[in-house]
């Protein structure tokens, strides 16, 4: 959910910051790369298996001036930034991405695509959710489609989304963590039969890092 009054955000000059930290990207195409994560609060999708449920309620995270987090991000050795949530597109992101870009930083977005885009990004990871599917514009913006697979029925959902992204978009299937041991063999066989797909594994969880 997101019911942060727009005037409090000052047009995106402030955002409900849950946490920001330097770590290793754990999923998808950029897995294994060092990056500075900016996690914003608020989500109106509400996946039962979400591993960031603590970020859902933006009221718990008073808006923070973007200069505060941009300064910390720019001080890191790695010059790659991941903006995630919650659902970050709930908020006007243009001021944040402009400030990050002014520091010469590379900007990655992780989104369900369920809200209109704002801001500029070097890479967009679209992770569609059935409860609130992506808007049409999200498919054209996606560099990477990452579909969470909880059961075999999710393969059809993955294909429906894959049919809508651009031809250069990379395709990933990722086992839902709580059922990964059960569902991974099915994903392996599916990808072997459909080699346009790749497998994304949450390597950060195996490494016990955030």
Protein backbone atom coordinates (compact mmCIF):
# COMPACT_ATOMS: atom_id res chain seq x y z
CA UNK A 1 0.00 0.00 0.00
CA UNK A 2 0.99 3.62 -0.34
CA UNK A 3 -0.87 6.48 1.22
CA UNK A 4 1.98 8.90 1.74
CA UNK A 5 0.56 12.36 0.93
CA UNK A 6 2.15 13.78 -2.21
CA UNK A 7 2.92 17.11 -0.54
CA UNK A 8 5.04 15.37 2.09
CA UNK A 9 7.18 13.84 -0.66
CA UNK A 10 7.76 17.29 -2.17
CA UNK A 11 7.50 15.94 -5.70
CA UNK A 12 10.03 13.21 -5.03
CA UNK A 13 12.58 15.34 -3.16
CA UNK A 14 11.78 13.07 -0.21
CA UNK A 15 10.97 9.37 -0.28
CA UNK A 16 9.97 6.77 2.36
CA UNK A 17 13.32 5.06 2.82
CA UNK A 18 13.21 1.63 4.46
CA UNK A 19 16.93 0.96 4.22
CA UNK A 20 19.96 1.54 2.04
CA UNK A 21 23.01 -0.70 2.08
CA UNK A 22 25.98 -1.94 0.09
CA UNK A 23 25.89 -5.61 -0.82
CA UNK A 24 26.04 -8.13 -3.67
CA UNK A 25 23.14 -8.37 -6.11
CA UNK A 26 21.62 -11.77 -5.49
CA UNK A 27 19.20 -12.39 -8.35
CA UNK A 28 18.76 -12.26 -12.10
CA UNK A 29 21.17 -11.03 -14.75
CA UNK A 30 23.31 -8.94 -12.37
CA UNK A 31 23.66 -11.63 -9.69
CA UNK A 32 27.08 -11.58 -8.09
CA UNK A 33 27.78 -7.91 -8.82
CA UNK A 34 28.35 -5.41 -6.00
CA UNK A 35 25.66 -2.73 -5.80
CA UNK A 36 24.19 -0.17 -3.44
CA UNK A 37 20.55 -0.93 -2.65
CA UNK A 38 17.91 1.72 -1.99
CA UNK A 39 14.73 0.13 -0.65
CA UNK A 40 11.58 2.26 -0.57
CA UNK A 41 8.56 1.53 1.62
CA UNK A 42 5.08 0.81 0.36
CA UNK A 43 3.56 -1.98 -1.70
CA UNK A 44 0.00 -2.55 -2.88
CA UNK A 45 0.65 -5.96 -4.46
CA UNK A 46 1.13 -8.01 -1.28
CA UNK A 47 2.58 -11.35 -2.39
CA UNK A 48 2.22 -13.98 0.33
CA UNK A 49 5.80 -15.17 -0.20
CA UNK A 50 7.40 -11.71 -0.25
CA UNK A 51 10.71 -11.59 1.61
CA UNK A 52 10.42 -7.85 2.25
CA UNK A 53 7.03 -7.64 3.96
CA UNK A 54 8.53 -5.26 6.50
CA UNK A 55 8.65 -2.70 3.68
CA UNK A 56 4.95 -2.83 2.81
CA UNK A 57 3.67 -0.08 5.11
CA UNK A 58 5.19 3.29 4.13
CA UNK A 59 3.80 4.93 7.27
CA UNK A 60 6.58 3.20 9.19
CA UNK A 61 9.22 5.08 7.18
CA UNK A 62 9.06 8.88 7.32
CA UNK A 63 10.15 10.53 4.06
CA UNK A 64 13.90 11.15 3.85
CA UNK A 65 15.56 13.82 1.67
CA UNK A 66 17.01 12.08 -1.36
CA UNK A 67 20.32 13.95 -0.93
CA UNK A 68 20.91 11.89 2.21
CA UNK A 69 20.84 8.55 0.44
CA UNK A 70 22.48 9.80 -2.77
CA UNK A 71 25.50 10.89 -0.78
CA UNK A 72 25.85 7.49 0.84
CA UNK A 73 25.38 5.70 -2.48
CA UNK A 74 27.98 7.81 -4.26
CA UNK A 75 30.54 7.08 -1.53
CA UNK A 76 30.55 3.34 -2.32
CA UNK A 77 33.26 1.69 -4.36
CA UNK A 78 30.73 0.11 -6.71
CA UNK A 79 28.98 2.64 -8.87
CA UNK A 80 25.80 0.63 -9.44
CA UNK A 81 22.54 1.42 -7.68
CA UNK A 82 19.49 -0.85 -7.28
CA UNK A 83 16.20 0.91 -6.50
CA UNK A 84 13.77 -1.61 -5.04
CA UNK A 85 10.95 -1.94 -2.53
CA UNK A 86 8.21 -2.49 -1.73
CA UNK A 87 7.12 -1.15 -5.09
CA UNK A 88 9.32 1.85 -5.92
CA UNK A 89 7.15 3.10 -8.80
CA UNK A 90 4.54 4.17 -6.28
CA UNK A 91 6.61 7.35 -6.02
CA UNK A 92 7.98 10.04 -8.34
CA UNK A 93 11.51 8.79 -8.93
CA UNK A 94 12.76 11.40 -11.41
CA UNK A 95 14.48 13.58 -8.77
CA UNK A 96 16.24 10.56 -7.24
CA UNK A 97 17.45 9.12 -10.53
CA UNK A 98 18.55 12.55 -11.76
CA UNK A 99 20.60 13.06 -8.60
CA UNK A 100 22.16 9.61 -8.90
CA UNK A 101 22.92 10.10 -12.59
CA UNK A 102 24.56 13.48 -11.82
CA UNK A 103 27.04 11.50 -9.70
CA UNK A 104 27.77 9.22 -12.66
CA UNK A 105 26.03 6.22 -11.12
CA UNK A 106 24.46 3.32 -13.02
CA UNK A 107 20.83 2.85 -11.99
CA UNK A 108 18.90 -0.43 -11.88
CA UNK A 109 15.19 -0.70 -11.06
CA UNK A 110 13.34 -3.71 -9.64
CA UNK A 111 9.58 -3.42 -10.12
CA UNK A 112 6.34 -5.30 -10.59
CA UNK A 113 5.49 -2.77 -13.29
CA UNK A 114 2.06 -2.18 -11.79
CA UNK A 115 2.44 1.62 -11.67
CA UNK A 116 3.47 4.25 -14.22
CA UNK A 117 7.17 4.75 -14.75
CA UNK A 118 9.04 7.82 -13.60
CA UNK A 119 12.78 8.43 -13.62
CA UNK A 120 15.59 7.21 -15.88
CA UNK A 121 17.18 3.78 -15.57
CA UNK A 122 20.05 1.88 -17.16
CA UNK A 123 18.40 -1.46 -16.46
CA UNK A 124 14.84 -2.48 -15.58
CA UNK A 125 14.08 -5.84 -14.00
CA UNK A 126 10.37 -6.51 -14.38
CA UNK A 127 8.97 -9.10 -11.96
CA UNK A 128 5.26 -9.41 -12.80
CA UNK A 129 2.71 -10.45 -10.19
CA UNK A 130 -0.67 -12.04 -10.93
CA UNK A 131 -2.47 -10.10 -8.20
CA UNK A 132 -1.66 -6.80 -9.91
CA UNK A 133 -0.27 -7.33 -13.42
CA UNK A 134 2.14 -4.92 -15.10
CA UNK A 135 0.94 -1.91 -17.05
CA UNK A 136 1.52 -2.11 -20.79
CA UNK A 137 4.40 0.38 -20.69
CA UNK A 138 6.35 -1.88 -18.31
CA UNK A 139 6.81 -4.57 -20.95
CA UNK A 140 8.47 -2.15 -23.33
CA UNK A 141 10.79 -0.86 -20.60
CA UNK A 142 11.95 -4.26 -19.34
CA UNK A 143 15.55 -5.34 -19.93
CA UNK A 144 14.97 -8.44 -17.83
CA UNK A 145 11.80 -10.40 -17.08
CA UNK A 146 12.07 -12.32 -13.81
CA UNK A 147 9.08 -14.52 -13.00
CA UNK A 148 8.77 -16.17 -9.59
CA UNK A 149 7.70 -19.82 -9.87
CA UNK A 150 5.81 -21.26 -6.93
CA UNK A 151 4.02 -24.08 -8.75
CA UNK A 152 3.96 -25.64 -12.21
CA UNK A 153 0.91 -23.54 -13.09
CA UNK A 154 3.14 -20.43 -12.99
CA UNK A 155 4.90 -21.44 -16.20
CA UNK A 156 1.85 -20.33 -18.18
CA UNK A 157 1.92 -16.95 -16.41
CA UNK A 158 5.61 -16.65 -17.28
CA UNK A 159 4.95 -17.32 -20.96
CA UNK A 160 2.09 -14.83 -21.10
CA UNK A 161 4.41 -12.12 -19.84
CA UNK A 162 7.29 -13.21 -22.04
CA UNK A 163 5.07 -12.80 -25.09
CA UNK A 164 4.70 -9.09 -24.29
CA UNK A 165 8.30 -7.98 -23.65
CA UNK A 166 10.74 -6.80 -26.31
CA UNK A 167 12.81 -9.27 -28.28
CA UNK A 168 16.01 -8.26 -26.47
CA UNK A 169 14.58 -8.72 -22.98
CA UNK A 170 16.30 -11.49 -21.02
CA UNK A 171 14.01 -14.13 -19.53
CA UNK A 172 14.45 -15.63 -16.05
CA UNK A 173 12.51 -18.11 -13.96
CA UNK A 174 13.20 -17.98 -10.24
CA UNK A 175 12.06 -20.59 -7.70
CA UNK A 176 10.08 -19.16 -4.81
CA UNK A 177 12.43 -19.62 -1.88
CA UNK A 178 10.15 -21.45 0.53
CA UNK A 179 9.41 -24.18 -2.02
CA UNK A 180 12.67 -24.07 -3.95
CA UNK A 181 13.70 -27.65 -3.23
CA UNK A 182 10.37 -28.95 -4.53
CA UNK A 183 9.94 -26.68 -7.55
CA UNK A 184 13.54 -26.37 -8.80
CA UNK A 185 13.59 -29.75 -10.62
CA UNK A 186 10.50 -28.70 -12.58
CA UNK A 187 12.12 -25.37 -13.46
CA UNK A 188 15.28 -27.14 -14.61
CA UNK A 189 13.30 -29.40 -16.93
CA UNK A 190 11.22 -26.50 -18.21
CA UNK A 191 14.28 -24.41 -19.08
CA UNK A 192 15.94 -27.38 -20.77
CA UNK A 193 12.84 -27.69 -22.95
CA UNK A 194 12.50 -23.92 -23.45
CA UNK A 195 16.09 -22.64 -23.74
CA UNK A 196 15.05 -19.04 -24.28
CA UNK A 197 14.62 -18.98 -20.49
CA UNK A 198 17.37 -18.82 -17.86
CA UNK A 199 17.23 -19.74 -14.18
CA UNK A 200 17.68 -17.10 -11.48
CA UNK A 201 18.78 -18.36 -8.06
CA UNK A 202 18.74 -16.18 -4.94
CA UNK A 203 22.45 -16.54 -4.30
CA UNK A 204 22.43 -13.92 -1.54
CA UNK A 205 20.34 -16.25 0.60
CA UNK A 206 22.88 -19.03 0.21
CA UNK A 207 25.62 -16.55 1.15
CA UNK A 208 23.62 -15.21 4.14
CA UNK A 209 23.97 -11.60 3.06
CA UNK A 210 21.21 -8.93 2.71
